[in-house]
Amino acid sequence: MDTLFSSLISVIFPKSMAVSPFIKVQMLMAHSTSQILEKSKNPISISKQAALRKSNKLQPLEIIFKSLDDLISNFLDLPLHPNIDPSHVLSRYFAPVDELPPTACQVVEGSLPSCLNGSYIRNGPNPQFIPRGPYHLYDGDGMLHLIKISQGEATFCSRYVQTYKYMVEREIGYPIFPSVFSSFNGFRASMARCVVALARGLAGQFNPLVHGLGAANTSLAMFGGSLFALAESDLPYEIEVTSSGDIATLGRHFFHNTSRQLRMTAHPKFDPKTRETFAFSYDINRPFLTFFRINPDGRIQATVPILSLEKSSMTHDFAVTENYAIFPDLQIQFNLKEITRGRSPVVIDPCKVPRIGIMPKYANDDREMSWIVASGLNILHVMNAWEEDGGDTVVMVASYAVSAEQAWENHDLTQFRMEKIVINVKAKTLERHPLSTKILEFGGVNPAYAGKKTRYIYSAMLETPEMSVGLVKLDLSIPDCDDCIVSSRLYGPGCIGGEPIFVPNDPKNLDAEEDDGYLITYVHNENTDESIFLVMDAKSPDLDTVAVVKLPRRVPLGFHGIFVPQDT
């Protein structure tokens, strides 16, 4: 460890900026990585790592590590871009909150419909410690905000997903896990952080190669009879809603030991007909994309490497229909060489042309994959997709970033649009139909229509990338329309909402109209510093209020949510 420490000091304070320090760092990283990989064959258990962290032997090392972390943040980091400046990122609506045990809430307007008996849970980043150095919005620990409803009464709580990252940092007392989004801020700071992270691994403080490093901060999904919190950088974490309205983390999910996957998309697709779940993972090495399906028992059935994808793609979402799986290939990708330049490995390739890939969803390999050029279509989320014309046509409704460069480098200026994309499967062509000129994102449909032809889309209406000032209802049956919005609602001055979730009024009524149900979301009023749970009538022209529940404290902005009926 003394040699490692000396090498680190020589990198941080080189006598000259010649090539030799860089070579030393590369050799040190390679040597350390090989030792960590060797150790991972017989990994230290999480409980043993915790005991080691608490031992007197580790305390002197922790003092050194913490001092080096402080030195890097205070003296080596370049001036922080607003995208990674915690004073900017964690201001206003994204300011973190503490956990809150189950707390009774008051219905202050209307009454809660019986179909809402169950749990609405919203996921989002909420760092347990204020970062001392660079911080990106995607870095925060996953926090679940739950409102449990039963017989017209509501209970609210907020709990962290107890990921490996969260537990390790809770014991140490400050953030130590590296981030591909924010850790690389200038050459000297980047190299120093790499070496400190490797040194922590050698010292037994953490082992993300075995236990993962994800924050489970993006979304929630149900498959295999269980409920999960997800982020695409790791495997899912199984969670449970208790009878008292609390949230318990049951652990990292390995698909009953049937998976060699190290990570999984935060947007798996559930097929209600077969009870299967379809998912994928992306990687920085070949295969850059891997498609797989999960049987109703939660076991991996088949894994298909997408070898026809020649470059990495930071694919966040995808689509599944009755017969096809559809994958966006984006300009946003990974380039590890950027780390040696002191920059994030997440980059924009301006020369790359986005594409849409379509293949049979039960294929054993990707030989039938067709890639269709889709200039400028960097898809972020897919609202729904279905087949027409006997399977010769696939229709997909998706949101995309107007500028990939802004989406990554100037996040506050990002604009999103929503389009209906019509794919001619035989001709391998596509047509694009804008659905509105407004900034729309975080959309969804009646869950009974997932993978089926949809008439209505419900979407957040944005002012900035994550700040929803209202929501809209779009009618896709209107022919040749430039703006398919048929209903809309603003939350009011100083009020910001989230992703609308549709809950059917009577899920067992197969003859019910598609929009017979309610839209639910959290809304925060910055002027009064109060948050509410808002229930709206999805059929009404103005998305009228049905019920309002006053929450016991502020709910920060987040990402995706789910409604789980009581009898699920």
Foldseek 3Di string as FASTA:
>chain_A
DVVLVVLLVCLLDPPDPDCVNVVSLVVLLVVLVVVLVVCLVVDDDLVVLLVLCPDPVCVVVLVVLVVLQLCLAPPVFDPDDLQFDLVNLCPDQNPADDWFFKDWFDWPDFFDAQLQQFKWKFKFFHAPDRASHTHHRQQGAIKIWMWHDDPRTIIITIDTQPASQNVLCVSSVHHLDDDLQTQQGAQSSLSSSSSSNSVCSVSSSDRCVNRNDHRLGFEWDDALNFIWRFDQRAATWTWDQDPSRGIDTPGGDCLVVQDPDGGWARDWDADPVQSKIKTKHADQDPVRIKIWIAHRNRHTDAIERARVPPGHAPWREWADAPWKTKTKRAQFGADVVVSNRRHRRTDGDPVDFIWMWMDTNPDRYCPRIAIATDGQFAFNDWAAKEADPVRQKIKTKTKGWNDPCCVRPVQQPTAIFIWIKIARSVVRYIDIATAEPFRWDLKYFQVVQHNHDDQKIKTFGDPTDQFGQWIFIFGPVDPPDNHRTQEIEGPDPQKTKGRWDWRASDVVPPPDDRQRTWTWIKMARSVVQWIWIWIFRSPDRHRDTNIIITDPGRDRGGHYMDTDHPVD
